[in-house]
Amino acid sequence: MTRRTTSTAKVALLGHVDLLAECTKKERAQIASMSTECDAVAGQVLAQEGELGAEFFIIVDGRATASRNGVELATLTPTHFFGELALLDGGPRTATVVADTDMHRLCCVA
């Protein structure tokens, strides 16, 4: 399932991410250059509630479900993101995210 996203495509994708929509193209290019790409398979736990995390993920392709205390919070699809709180405050993950399908993501590490 290995695929690679071009730099131009990464910058364009980041422009559709709510959290980054106000960033300039130059700022999005800098974020894109700092990101790596990672794949996941359906059923894989991508973030575990209560565990420490230092990554922020942006979905390029695929679908995941976020839950807290076993209660579904949201379905995440391309341009959705997760992990930003743990990245910002260094605290534990506030939700569990599980891949519903095979996925391709951008991974940003502090």
Protein backbone atom coordinates (compact mmCIF):
# COMPACT_ATOMS: atom_id res chain seq x y z
CA MET A 1 0.00 0.00 0.00
CA THR A 2 3.01 2.29 -0.13
CA ARG A 3 2.29 5.51 -2.04
CA ARG A 4 3.93 8.85 -2.01
CA THR A 5 2.33 12.25 -2.24
CA THR A 6 4.13 14.97 -4.20
CA SER A 7 5.18 18.11 -2.39
CA THR A 8 2.69 20.15 -4.44
CA ALA A 9 -0.13 17.76 -3.54
CA LYS A 10 0.80 17.92 0.17
CA VAL A 11 0.67 21.72 0.14
CA ALA A 12 -2.70 21.65 -1.64
CA LEU A 13 -4.09 19.10 0.83
CA LEU A 14 -2.95 21.19 3.80
CA GLY A 15 -4.92 24.12 2.39
CA HIS A 16 -8.09 22.06 2.91
CA VAL A 17 -7.30 21.17 6.53
CA ASP A 18 -9.42 23.43 8.77
CA LEU A 19 -6.64 23.92 11.32
CA LEU A 20 -4.20 25.09 8.62
CA ALA A 21 -6.53 26.90 6.20
CA GLU A 22 -5.35 30.35 7.31
CA CYS A 23 -1.69 29.49 6.79
CA THR A 24 0.05 30.97 3.79
CA LYS A 25 1.18 28.73 0.95
CA LYS A 26 4.77 29.21 2.17
CA GLU A 27 3.80 28.10 5.71
CA ARG A 28 1.93 25.08 4.33
CA ALA A 29 4.99 24.20 2.24
CA GLN A 30 7.14 24.31 5.37
CA ILE A 31 4.70 22.04 7.23
CA ALA A 32 4.58 19.69 4.23
CA SER A 33 8.38 19.47 4.15
CA MET A 34 8.43 18.50 7.85
CA SER A 35 5.81 15.77 7.44
CA THR A 36 6.39 12.14 6.63
CA GLU A 37 3.94 9.73 5.09
CA CYS A 38 2.64 6.68 6.84
CA ASP A 39 0.17 3.93 6.02
CA ALA A 40 -2.15 1.98 8.27
CA VAL A 41 -4.28 -1.10 7.75
CA ALA A 42 -7.95 -1.44 8.61
CA GLY A 43 -8.38 -2.18 12.32
CA GLN A 44 -5.07 -0.62 13.35
CA VAL A 45 -5.15 1.58 16.47
CA LEU A 46 -3.66 4.91 15.41
CA ALA A 47 -3.93 6.70 18.76
CA GLN A 48 -4.84 5.24 22.15
CA GLU A 49 -6.74 7.30 24.71
CA GLY A 50 -4.60 7.95 27.78
CA GLU A 51 -1.26 7.19 26.12
CA LEU A 52 1.33 9.87 25.51
CA GLY A 53 1.70 11.00 21.93
CA ALA A 54 3.95 13.37 20.06
CA GLU A 55 2.49 13.03 16.56
CA PHE A 56 -0.18 14.93 14.68
CA PHE A 57 -1.83 13.13 11.76
CA ILE A 58 -3.67 14.37 8.68
CA ILE A 59 -5.67 11.83 6.72
CA VAL A 60 -4.81 11.73 3.01
CA ASP A 61 -6.86 8.67 2.10
CA GLY A 62 -9.08 6.32 4.10
CA ARG A 63 -11.42 6.52 7.06
CA ALA A 64 -11.07 6.18 10.86
CA THR A 65 -13.28 6.41 13.92
CA ALA A 66 -12.46 8.48 17.00
CA SER A 67 -13.93 7.44 20.36
CA ARG A 68 -13.60 8.36 24.02
CA ASN A 69 -14.46 5.96 26.83
CA GLY A 70 -15.86 3.61 24.19
CA VAL A 71 -18.30 6.23 22.84
CA GLU A 72 -17.93 7.12 19.16
CA LEU A 73 -17.11 10.80 18.67
CA ALA A 74 -16.50 11.19 14.96
CA THR A 75 -15.73 9.57 11.64
CA LEU A 76 -12.51 10.96 10.20
CA THR A 77 -11.97 11.17 6.44
CA PRO A 78 -9.46 12.90 4.11
CA THR A 79 -8.33 16.34 5.35
CA HIS A 80 -9.45 15.52 8.91
CA PHE A 81 -6.71 15.53 11.53
CA PHE A 82 -6.08 14.10 14.98
CA GLY A 83 -3.36 14.08 17.62
CA GLU A 84 -2.96 17.84 17.69
CA LEU A 85 -3.70 18.22 21.41
CA ALA A 86 -1.04 15.75 22.53
CA LEU A 87 1.39 17.41 20.14
CA LEU A 88 0.67 20.86 21.57
CA ASP A 89 0.50 20.12 25.28
CA GLY A 90 2.56 16.93 25.57
CA GLY A 91 -0.27 15.34 27.53
CA PRO A 92 -2.00 12.02 27.02
CA ARG A 93 -4.24 11.30 24.04
CA THR A 94 -7.82 12.37 24.67
CA ALA A 95 -9.35 9.83 22.28
CA THR A 96 -8.74 6.50 20.62
CA VAL A 97 -8.58 6.52 16.83
CA VAL A 98 -8.90 3.28 14.87
CA ALA A 99 -8.54 2.87 11.09
CA ASP A 100 -11.83 1.70 9.54
CA THR A 101 -10.14 1.18 6.17
CA ASP A 102 -6.59 0.99 4.91
CA MET A 103 -5.24 4.54 5.24
CA HIS A 104 -2.57 6.91 4.05
CA ARG A 105 -1.65 9.79 6.38
CA LEU A 106 0.75 12.66 6.77
CA CYS A 107 2.56 12.42 10.10
CA CYS A 108 3.99 15.47 11.80
CA VAL A 109 6.21 15.06 14.85
CA ALA A 110 7.21 17.76 17.31
